[in-house]
């Protein structure tokens, strides 16, 4: 039985880089996957996003937050956080000003 895909919701800044896509749908493996594995799958077709979300070590950039079903993965296990089938993952760019 196929598992439910994961939906990655992109902020406006990143949408412009992928032709206006608001979401990327990624098929889920039978077992749970990590944030890193999910991003690898999602960014395989959208390479430009990888450098905006992850640094050269593969870690989530300081100014980016990743939420899995409403939980801030960047405060916990980071790229090792589990992502269940059917999850909604939001990528949020920090906003600052002065």
PDB file of N, CA and C in Angstrom:
ATOM      1  N   UNK A   1       0.840  -1.178   0.000  1.00  0.00           N
ATOM      2  CA  UNK A   1       0.000   0.000   0.000  1.00  0.00           C
ATOM      3  C   UNK A   1       0.888   1.246   0.000  1.00  0.00           C
ATOM      4  N   UNK A   2       0.682   2.176  -0.930  1.00  0.00           N
ATOM      5  CA  UNK A   2       1.517   3.370  -0.979  1.00  0.00           C
ATOM      6  C   UNK A   2       1.235   4.264   0.225  1.00  0.00           C
ATOM      7  N   UNK A   3       2.291   4.913   0.716  1.00  0.00           N
ATOM      8  CA  UNK A   3       2.108   5.827   1.830  1.00  0.00           C
ATOM      9  C   UNK A   3       1.808   7.228   1.299  1.00  0.00           C
ATOM     10  N   UNK A   4       1.239   8.048   2.167  1.00  0.00           N
ATOM     11  CA  UNK A   4       0.849   9.401   1.770  1.00  0.00           C
ATOM     12  C   UNK A   4       2.089  10.256   1.519  1.00  0.00           C
ATOM     13  N   UNK A   5       2.061  11.076   0.474  1.00  0.00           N
ATOM     14  CA  UNK A   5       3.207  11.939   0.192  1.00  0.00           C
ATOM     15  C   UNK A   5       3.341  13.040   1.240  1.00  0.00           C
ATOM     16  N   UNK A   6       4.539  13.565   1.356  1.00  0.00           N
ATOM     17  CA  UNK A   6       4.823  14.699   2.228  1.00  0.00           C
ATOM     18  C   UNK A   6       4.713  15.966   1.387  1.00  0.00           C
ATOM     19  N   UNK A   7       4.084  16.974   1.948  1.00  0.00           N
ATOM     20  CA  UNK A   7       3.955  18.257   1.253  1.00  0.00           C
ATOM     21  C   UNK A   7       4.872  19.277   1.905  1.00  0.00           C
ATOM     22  N   UNK A   8       5.759  19.856   1.105  1.00  0.00           N
ATOM     23  CA  UNK A   8       6.671  20.891   1.585  1.00  0.00           C
ATOM     24  C   UNK A   8       6.124  22.225   1.100  1.00  0.00           C
ATOM     25  N   UNK A   9       5.820  23.105   2.042  1.00  0.00           N
ATOM     26  CA  UNK A   9       5.268  24.416   1.722  1.00  0.00           C
ATOM     27  C   UNK A   9       6.417  25.423   1.733  1.00  0.00           C
ATOM     28  N   UNK A  10       6.548  26.147   0.629  1.00  0.00           N
ATOM     29  CA  UNK A  10       7.659  27.075   0.444  1.00  0.00           C
ATOM     30  C   UNK A  10       7.243  28.513   0.720  1.00  0.00           C
ATOM     31  N   UNK A  11       8.154  29.328   1.283  1.00  0.00           N
ATOM     32  CA  UNK A  11       7.874  30.752   1.460  1.00  0.00           C
ATOM     33  C   UNK A  11       7.988  31.469   0.119  1.00  0.00           C
ATOM     34  N   UNK A  12       7.431  32.662   0.041  1.00  0.00           N
ATOM     35  CA  UNK A  12       7.441  33.439  -1.192  1.00  0.00           C
ATOM     36  C   UNK A  12       8.814  33.619  -1.802  1.00  0.00           C
ATOM     37  N   UNK A  13       9.829  33.845  -0.964  1.00  0.00           N
ATOM     38  CA  UNK A  13      11.188  34.056  -1.465  1.00  0.00           C
ATOM     39  C   UNK A  13      11.689  32.868  -2.274  1.00  0.00           C
ATOM     40  N   UNK A  14      11.352  31.675  -1.826  1.00  0.00           N
ATOM     41  CA  UNK A  14      11.820  30.476  -2.517  1.00  0.00           C
ATOM     42  C   UNK A  14      10.932  30.111  -3.699  1.00  0.00           C
ATOM     43  N   UNK A  15       9.676  30.480  -3.633  1.00  0.00           N
ATOM     44  CA  UNK A  15       8.754  30.184  -4.738  1.00  0.00           C
ATOM     45  C   UNK A  15       9.229  30.812  -6.039  1.00  0.00           C
ATOM     46  N   UNK A  16       9.768  32.008  -5.924  1.00  0.00           N
ATOM     47  CA  UNK A  16      10.251  32.705  -7.119  1.00  0.00           C
ATOM     48  C   UNK A  16      11.363  31.929  -7.823  1.00  0.00           C
ATOM     49  N   UNK A  17      12.117  31.134  -7.075  1.00  0.00           N
ATOM     50  CA  UNK A  17      13.236  30.375  -7.643  1.00  0.00           C
ATOM     51  C   UNK A  17      12.795  29.118  -8.378  1.00  0.00           C
ATOM     52  N   UNK A  18      11.563  28.675  -8.128  1.00  0.00           N
ATOM     53  CA  UNK A  18      11.073  27.436  -8.738  1.00  0.00           C
ATOM     54  C   UNK A  18       9.798  27.682  -9.540  1.00  0.00           C
ATOM     55  N   UNK A  19       9.767  28.810 -10.220  1.00  0.00           N
ATOM     56  CA  UNK A  19       8.655  29.095 -11.120  1.00  0.00           C
ATOM     57  C   UNK A  19       7.326  29.335 -10.434  1.00  0.00           C
ATOM     58  N   UNK A  20       7.356  29.782  -9.189  1.00  0.00           N
ATOM     59  CA  UNK A  20       6.131  30.107  -8.487  1.00  0.00           C
ATOM     60  C   UNK A  20       5.478  28.952  -7.743  1.00  0.00           C
ATOM     61  N   UNK A  21       6.129  27.787  -7.705  1.00  0.00           N
ATOM     62  CA  UNK A  21       5.554  26.648  -6.971  1.00  0.00           C
ATOM     63  C   UNK A  21       5.383  27.007  -5.501  1.00  0.00           C
ATOM     64  N   UNK A  22       4.196  26.776  -4.962  1.00  0.00           N
ATOM     65  CA  UNK A  22       3.939  27.031  -3.548  1.00  0.00           C
ATOM     66  C   UNK A  22       4.264  25.804  -2.707  1.00  0.00           C
ATOM     67  N   UNK A  23       4.169  24.637  -3.316  1.00  0.00           N
ATOM     68  CA  UNK A  23       4.399  23.383  -2.605  1.00  0.00           C
ATOM     69  C   UNK A  23       5.167  22.412  -3.484  1.00  0.00           C
ATOM     70  N   UNK A  24       5.925  21.553  -2.809  1.00  0.00           N
ATOM     71  CA  UNK A  24       6.579  20.434  -3.482  1.00  0.00           C
ATOM     72  C   UNK A  24       6.056  19.182  -2.804  1.00  0.00           C
ATOM     73  N   UNK A  25       5.570  18.260  -3.588  1.00  0.00           N
ATOM     74  CA  UNK A  25       5.077  16.996  -3.044  1.00  0.00           C
ATOM     75  C   UNK A  25       6.143  15.927  -3.249  1.00  0.00           C
ATOM     76  N   UNK A  26       6.457  15.220  -2.169  1.00  0.00           N
ATOM     77  CA  UNK A  26       7.505  14.202  -2.200  1.00  0.00           C
ATOM     78  C   UNK A  26       6.914  12.882  -1.746  1.00  0.00           C
ATOM     79  N   UNK A  27       7.100  11.857  -2.561  1.00  0.00           N
ATOM     80  CA  UNK A  27       6.616  10.525  -2.172  1.00  0.00           C
ATOM     81  C   UNK A  27       7.358  10.049  -0.936  1.00  0.00           C
ATOM     82  N   UNK A  28       6.647   9.417  -0.041  1.00  0.00           N
ATOM     83  CA  UNK A  28       7.236   8.914   1.195  1.00  0.00           C
ATOM     84  C   UNK A  28       7.653   7.465   1.031  1.00  0.00           C
ATOM     85  N   UNK A  29       8.800   7.116   1.624  1.00  0.00           N
ATOM     86  CA  UNK A  29       9.170   5.706   1.635  1.00  0.00           C
ATOM     87  C   UNK A  29       8.261   4.964   2.615  1.00  0.00           C
ATOM     88  N   UNK A  30       8.309   3.667   2.601  1.00  0.00           N
ATOM     89  CA  UNK A  30       7.474   2.864   3.500  1.00  0.00           C
ATOM     90  C   UNK A  30       7.804   3.149   4.956  1.00  0.00           C
ATOM     91  N   UNK A  31       9.081   3.371   5.238  1.00  0.00           N
ATOM     92  CA  UNK A  31       9.480   3.678   6.608  1.00  0.00           C
ATOM     93  C   UNK A  31       9.584   5.199   6.776  1.00  0.00           C
ATOM     94  N   UNK A  32       9.760   5.636   7.998  1.00  0.00           N
ATOM     95  CA  UNK A  32       9.914   7.066   8.274  1.00  0.00           C
ATOM     96  C   UNK A  32      11.194   7.576   7.619  1.00  0.00           C
ATOM     97  N   UNK A  33      11.222   8.850   7.337  1.00  0.00           N
ATOM     98  CA  UNK A  33      12.416   9.458   6.775  1.00  0.00           C
ATOM     99  C   UNK A  33      12.808  10.646   7.646  1.00  0.00           C
ATOM    100  N   UNK A  34      14.036  11.102   7.486  1.00  0.00           N
ATOM    101  CA  UNK A  34      14.496  12.263   8.237  1.00  0.00           C
ATOM    102  C   UNK A  34      14.297  13.518   7.398  1.00  0.00           C
ATOM    103  N   UNK A  35      14.445  14.664   8.042  1.00  0.00           N
ATOM    104  CA  UNK A  35      14.373  15.936   7.320  1.00  0.00           C
ATOM    105  C   UNK A  35      15.426  15.952   6.218  1.00  0.00           C
ATOM    106  N   UNK A  36      16.644  15.486   6.510  1.00  0.00           N
ATOM    107  CA  UNK A  36      17.717  15.468   5.509  1.00  0.00           C
ATOM    108  C   UNK A  36      17.329  14.629   4.295  1.00  0.00           C
ATOM    109  N   UNK A  37      16.781  13.439   4.539  1.00  0.00           N
ATOM    110  CA  UNK A  37      16.376  12.562   3.424  1.00  0.00           C
ATOM    111  C   UNK A  37      15.242  13.187   2.611  1.00  0.00           C
ATOM    112  N   UNK A  38      14.307  13.813   3.299  1.00  0.00           N
ATOM    113  CA  UNK A  38      13.205  14.480   2.608  1.00  0.00           C
ATOM    114  C   UNK A  38      13.726  15.605   1.722  1.00  0.00           C
ATOM    115  N   UNK A  39      14.612  16.438   2.275  1.00  0.00           N
ATOM    116  CA  UNK A  39      15.151  17.550   1.490  1.00  0.00           C
ATOM    117  C   UNK A  39      15.977  17.042   0.320  1.00  0.00           C
ATOM    118  N   UNK A  40      16.719  15.955   0.507  1.00  0.00           N
ATOM    119  CA  UNK A  40      17.464  15.360  -0.607  1.00  0.00           C
ATOM    120  C   UNK A  40      16.514  15.001  -1.743  1.00  0.00           C
ATOM    121  N   UNK A  41      15.392  14.374  -1.419  1.00  0.00           N
ATOM    122  CA  UNK A  41      14.419  13.987  -2.446  1.00  0.00           C
ATOM    123  C   UNK A  41      13.787  15.211  -3.107  1.00  0.00           C
ATOM    124  N   UNK A  42      13.378  16.161  -2.283  1.00  0.00           N
ATOM    125  CA  UNK A  42      12.702  17.350  -2.808  1.00  0.00           C
ATOM    126  C   UNK A  42      13.626  18.187  -3.678  1.00  0.00           C
ATOM    127  N   UNK A  43      14.876  18.334  -3.242  1.00  0.00           N
ATOM    128  CA  UNK A  43      15.797  19.217  -3.943  1.00  0.00           C
ATOM    129  C   UNK A  43      16.495  18.547  -5.111  1.00  0.00           C
ATOM    130  N   UNK A  44      16.296  17.250  -5.298  1.00  0.00           N
ATOM    131  CA  UNK A  44      16.909  16.585  -6.448  1.00  0.00           C
ATOM    132  C   UNK A  44      16.366  17.172  -7.742  1.00  0.00           C
ATOM    133  N   UNK A  45      15.147  17.636  -7.727  1.00  0.00           N
ATOM    134  CA  UNK A  45      14.551  18.271  -8.910  1.00  0.00           C
ATOM    135  C   UNK A  45      14.619  19.787  -8.846  1.00  0.00           C
ATOM    136  N   UNK A  46      14.965  20.323  -7.688  1.00  0.00           N
ATOM    137  CA  UNK A  46      14.997  21.775  -7.484  1.00  0.00           C
ATOM    138  C   UNK A  46      16.295  22.150  -6.777  1.00  0.00           C
ATOM    139  N   UNK A  47      17.422  21.887  -7.440  1.00  0.00           N
ATOM    140  CA  UNK A  47      18.757  22.073  -6.853  1.00  0.00           C
ATOM    141  C   UNK A  47      18.971  23.486  -6.304  1.00  0.00           C
ATOM    142  N   UNK A  48      18.397  24.473  -6.933  1.00  0.00           N
ATOM    143  CA  UNK A  48      18.614  25.853  -6.510  1.00  0.00           C
ATOM    144  C   UNK A  48      18.150  26.084  -5.072  1.00  0.00           C
ATOM    145  N   UNK A  49      17.166  25.320  -4.622  1.00  0.00           N
ATOM    146  CA  UNK A  49      16.648  25.491  -3.268  1.00  0.00           C
ATOM    147  C   UNK A  49      17.627  24.990  -2.206  1.00  0.00           C
ATOM    148  N   UNK A  50      18.394  23.984  -2.547  1.00  0.00           N
ATOM    149  CA  UNK A  50      19.272  23.361  -1.558  1.00  0.00           C
ATOM    150  C   UNK A  50      20.217  24.374  -0.922  1.00  0.00           C
ATOM    151  N   UNK A  51      20.876  25.192  -1.720  1.00  0.00           N
ATOM    152  CA  UNK A  51      21.811  26.181  -1.199  1.00  0.00           C
ATOM    153  C   UNK A  51      21.149  27.290  -0.412  1.00  0.00           C
ATOM    154  N   UNK A  52      19.885  27.485  -0.612  1.00  0.00           N
ATOM    155  CA  UNK A  52      19.146  28.509   0.133  1.00  0.00           C
ATOM    156  C   UNK A  52      18.677  27.994   1.497  1.00  0.00           C
ATOM    157  N   UNK A  53      18.477  26.680   1.604  1.00  0.00           N
ATOM    158  CA  UNK A  53      17.946  26.086   2.836  1.00  0.00           C
ATOM    159  C   UNK A  53      19.049  25.456   3.684  1.00  0.00           C
ATOM    160  N   UNK A  54      20.027  24.795   3.029  1.00  0.00           N
ATOM    161  CA  UNK A  54      21.094  24.113   3.763  1.00  0.00           C
ATOM    162  C   UNK A  54      22.446  24.725   3.437  1.00  0.00           C
ATOM    163  N   UNK A  55      23.341  24.626   4.406  1.00  0.00           N
ATOM    164  CA  UNK A  55      24.701  25.133   4.200  1.00  0.00           C
ATOM    165  C   UNK A  55      25.575  24.064   3.542  1.00  0.00           C
ATOM    166  N   UNK A  56      26.853  24.366   3.397  1.00  0.00           N
ATOM    167  CA  UNK A  56      27.774  23.454   2.705  1.00  0.00           C
ATOM    168  C   UNK A  56      27.997  22.144   3.460  1.00  0.00           C
ATOM    169  N   UNK A  57      27.630  22.094   4.742  1.00  0.00           N
ATOM    170  CA  UNK A  57      27.734  20.861   5.536  1.00  0.00           C
ATOM    171  C   UNK A  57      26.430  20.073   5.532  1.00  0.00           C
ATOM    172  N   UNK A  58      25.404  20.603   4.861  1.00  0.00           N
ATOM    173  CA  UNK A  58      24.116  19.921   4.804  1.00  0.00           C
ATOM    174  C   UNK A  58      23.186  20.257   5.956  1.00  0.00           C
ATOM    175  N   UNK A  59      23.605  21.183   6.820  1.00  0.00           N
ATOM    176  CA  UNK A  59      22.794  21.602   7.959  1.00  0.00           C
ATOM    177  C   UNK A  59      21.823  22.706   7.528  1.00  0.00           C
ATOM    178  N   UNK A  60      20.710  22.824   8.249  1.00  0.00           N
ATOM    179  CA  UNK A  60      19.761  23.904   7.974  1.00  0.00           C
ATOM    180  C   UNK A  60      20.448  25.226   8.305  1.00  0.00           C
ATOM    181  N   UNK A  61      20.348  26.181   7.389  1.00  0.00           N
ATOM    182  CA  UNK A  61      20.974  27.491   7.609  1.00  0.00           C
ATOM    183  C   UNK A  61      20.381  28.176   8.841  1.00  0.00           C
ATOM    184  N   UNK A  62      21.177  29.030   9.472  1.00  0.00           N
ATOM    185  CA  UNK A  62      20.760  29.722  10.699  1.00  0.00           C
ATOM    186  C   UNK A  62      19.484  30.525  10.523  1.00  0.00           C
ATOM    187  N   UNK A  63      19.299  31.143   9.397  1.00  0.00           N
ATOM    188  CA  UNK A  63      18.152  32.014   9.179  1.00  0.00           C
ATOM    189  C   UNK A  63      16.926  31.280   8.624  1.00  0.00           C
ATOM    190  N   UNK A  64      16.984  29.953   8.583  1.00  0.00           N
ATOM    191  CA  UNK A  64      15.881  29.145   8.043  1.00  0.00           C
ATOM    192  C   UNK A  64      15.323  28.252   9.155  1.00  0.00           C
ATOM    193  N   UNK A  65      14.013  28.125   9.204  1.00  0.00           N
ATOM    194  CA  UNK A  65      13.341  27.214  10.138  1.00  0.00           C
ATOM    195  C   UNK A  65      12.589  26.176   9.315  1.00  0.00           C
ATOM    196  N   UNK A  66      12.573  24.951   9.826  1.00  0.00           N
ATOM    197  CA  UNK A  66      11.827  23.866   9.188  1.00  0.00           C
ATOM    198  C   UNK A  66      10.855  23.319  10.235  1.00  0.00           C
ATOM    199  N   UNK A  67       9.579  23.348   9.909  1.00  0.00           N
ATOM    200  CA  UNK A  67       8.542  22.843  10.800  1.00  0.00           C
ATOM    201  C   UNK A  67       7.939  21.574  10.204  1.00  0.00           C
ATOM    202  N   UNK A  68       7.859  20.536  11.011  1.00  0.00           N
ATOM    203  CA  UNK A  68       7.249  19.274  10.599  1.00  0.00           C
ATOM    204  C   UNK A  68       5.957  19.132  11.394  1.00  0.00           C
ATOM    205  N   UNK A  69       4.830  19.194  10.689  1.00  0.00           N
ATOM    206  CA  UNK A  69       3.512  19.133  11.341  1.00  0.00           C
ATOM    207  C   UNK A  69       3.418  20.125  12.506  1.00  0.00           C
ATOM    208  N   UNK A  70       3.933  21.332  12.280  1.00  0.00           N
ATOM    209  CA  UNK A  70       3.831  22.398  13.270  1.00  0.00           C
ATOM    210  C   UNK A  70       4.912  22.422  14.329  1.00  0.00           C
ATOM    211  N   UNK A  71       5.782  21.424  14.356  1.00  0.00           N
ATOM    212  CA  UNK A  71       6.868  21.355  15.344  1.00  0.00           C
ATOM    213  C   UNK A  71       8.168  21.844  14.712  1.00  0.00           C
ATOM    214  N   UNK A  72       8.873  22.722  15.402  1.00  0.00           N
ATOM    215  CA  UNK A  72      10.124  23.286  14.899  1.00  0.00           C
ATOM    216  C   UNK A  72      11.238  22.238  14.956  1.00  0.00           C
ATOM    217  N   UNK A  73      11.539  21.633  13.831  1.00  0.00           N
ATOM    218  CA  UNK A  73      12.583  20.598  13.763  1.00  0.00           C
ATOM    219  C   UNK A  73      13.965  21.184  14.002  1.00  0.00           C
ATOM    220  N   UNK A  74      14.155  22.473  13.711  1.00  0.00           N
ATOM    221  CA  UNK A  74      15.473  23.077  13.864  1.00  0.00           C
ATOM    222  C   UNK A  74      15.832  23.304  15.332  1.00  0.00           C
ATOM    223  N   UNK A  75      14.867  23.256  16.222  1.00  0.00           N
ATOM    224  CA  UNK A  75      15.148  23.390  17.658  1.00  0.00           C
ATOM    225  C   UNK A  75      15.441  22.035  18.290  1.00  0.00           C
ATOM    226  N   UNK A  76      15.052  20.983  17.632  1.00  0.00           N
ATOM    227  CA  UNK A  76      15.249  19.647  18.180  1.00  0.00           C
ATOM    228  C   UNK A  76      16.362  18.914  17.465  1.00  0.00           C
ATOM    229  N   UNK A  77      15.969  17.904  16.721  1.00  0.00           N
ATOM    230  CA  UNK A  77      16.936  17.024  16.065  1.00  0.00           C
ATOM    231  C   UNK A  77      17.468  17.577  14.746  1.00  0.00           C
ATOM    232  N   UNK A  78      16.956  18.702  14.314  1.00  0.00           N
ATOM    233  CA  UNK A  78      17.447  19.305  13.082  1.00  0.00           C
ATOM    234  C   UNK A  78      17.200  18.405  11.882  1.00  0.00           C
ATOM    235  N   UNK A  79      18.252  18.201  11.077  1.00  0.00           N
ATOM    236  CA  UNK A  79      18.095  17.402   9.860  1.00  0.00           C
ATOM    237  C   UNK A  79      17.842  15.932  10.151  1.00  0.00           C
ATOM    238  N   UNK A  80      18.049  15.516  11.394  1.00  0.00           N
ATOM    239  CA  UNK A  80      17.783  14.136  11.787  1.00  0.00           C
ATOM    240  C   UNK A  80      16.369  13.914  12.302  1.00  0.00           C
ATOM    241  N   UNK A  81      15.573  14.983  12.351  1.00  0.00           N
ATOM    242  CA  UNK A  81      14.198  14.865  12.855  1.00  0.00           C
ATOM    243  C   UNK A  81      13.376  13.964  11.929  1.00  0.00           C
ATOM    244  N   UNK A  82      12.539  13.115  12.502  1.00  0.00           N
ATOM    245  CA  UNK A  82      11.713  12.232  11.677  1.00  0.00           C
ATOM    246  C   UNK A  82      10.590  12.985  10.965  1.00  0.00           C
ATOM    247  N   UNK A  83      10.278  12.525   9.765  1.00  0.00           N
ATOM    248  CA  UNK A  83       9.179  13.083   8.981  1.00  0.00           C
ATOM    249  C   UNK A  83       8.263  11.924   8.606  1.00  0.00           C
ATOM    250  N   UNK A  84       7.090  11.850   9.228  1.00  0.00           N
ATOM    251  CA  UNK A  84       6.186  10.740   8.917  1.00  0.00           C
ATOM    252  C   UNK A  84       5.510  10.922   7.556  1.00  0.00           C
ATOM    253  N   UNK A  85       5.029   9.834   7.012  1.00  0.00           N
ATOM    254  CA  UNK A  85       4.268   9.897   5.758  1.00  0.00           C
ATOM    255  C   UNK A  85       3.080  10.827   5.952  1.00  0.00           C
ATOM    256  N   UNK A  86       2.773  11.608   4.938  1.00  0.00           N
ATOM    257  CA  UNK A  86       1.629  12.509   4.976  1.00  0.00           C
ATOM    258  C   UNK A  86       1.867  13.806   5.715  1.00  0.00           C
ATOM    259  N   UNK A  87       3.095  14.031   6.161  1.00  0.00           N
ATOM    260  CA  UNK A  87       3.397  15.244   6.932  1.00  0.00           C
ATOM    261  C   UNK A  87       3.307  16.488   6.057  1.00  0.00           C
ATOM    262  N   UNK A  88       3.104  17.603   6.742  1.00  0.00           N
ATOM    263  CA  UNK A  88       3.205  18.928   6.121  1.00  0.00           C
ATOM    264  C   UNK A  88       4.458  19.574   6.685  1.00  0.00           C
ATOM    265  N   UNK A  89       5.354  19.954   5.801  1.00  0.00           N
ATOM    266  CA  UNK A  89       6.626  20.554   6.202  1.00  0.00           C
ATOM    267  C   UNK A  89       6.670  21.981   5.672  1.00  0.00           C
ATOM    268  N   UNK A  90       6.847  22.926   6.580  1.00  0.00           N
ATOM    269  CA  UNK A  90       6.954  24.331   6.194  1.00  0.00           C
ATOM    270  C   UNK A  90       8.409  24.762   6.308  1.00  0.00           C
ATOM    271  N   UNK A  91       8.890  25.428   5.271  1.00  0.00           N
ATOM    272  CA  UNK A  91      10.209  26.029   5.307  1.00  0.00           C
ATOM    273  C   UNK A  91       9.967  27.533   5.448  1.00  0.00           C
ATOM    274  N   UNK A  92      10.559  28.110   6.482  1.00  0.00           N
ATOM    275  CA  UNK A  92      10.338  29.526   6.794  1.00  0.00           C
ATOM    276  C   UNK A  92      11.679  30.246   6.825  1.00  0.00           C
ATOM    277  N   UNK A  93      11.773  31.354   6.112  1.00  0.00           N
ATOM    278  CA  UNK A  93      12.952  32.209   6.184  1.00  0.00           C
ATOM    279  C   UNK A  93      12.739  33.227   7.296  1.00  0.00           C
ATOM    280  N   UNK A  94      13.749  33.413   8.123  1.00  0.00           N
ATOM    281  CA  UNK A  94      13.658  34.421   9.191  1.00  0.00           C
ATOM    282  C   UNK A  94      13.560  35.811   8.566  1.00  0.00           C
ATOM    283  N   UNK A  95      12.807  36.651   9.219  1.00  0.00           N
ATOM    284  CA  UNK A  95      12.669  38.040   8.769  1.00  0.00           C
ATOM    285  C   UNK A  95      13.256  38.924   9.848  1.00  0.00           C
ATOM    286  N   UNK A  96      14.126  39.815   9.446  1.00  0.00           N
ATOM    287  CA  UNK A  96      14.710  40.726  10.432  1.00  0.00           C
ATOM    288  C   UNK A  96      14.709  42.129   9.856  1.00  0.00           C
ATOM    289  N   UNK A  97      14.891  43.040  10.685  1.00  0.00           N
ATOM    290  CA  UNK A  97      14.908  44.431  10.252  1.00  0.00           C
ATOM    291  C   UNK A  97      15.358  45.312  11.394  1.00  0.00           C
ATOM    292  N   UNK A  98      15.400  46.551  11.110  1.00  0.00           N
ATOM    293  CA  UNK A  98      15.868  47.445  12.168  1.00  0.00           C
ATOM    294  C   UNK A  98      15.317  48.805  12.008  1.00  0.00           C
TER     295      UNK A  98
END
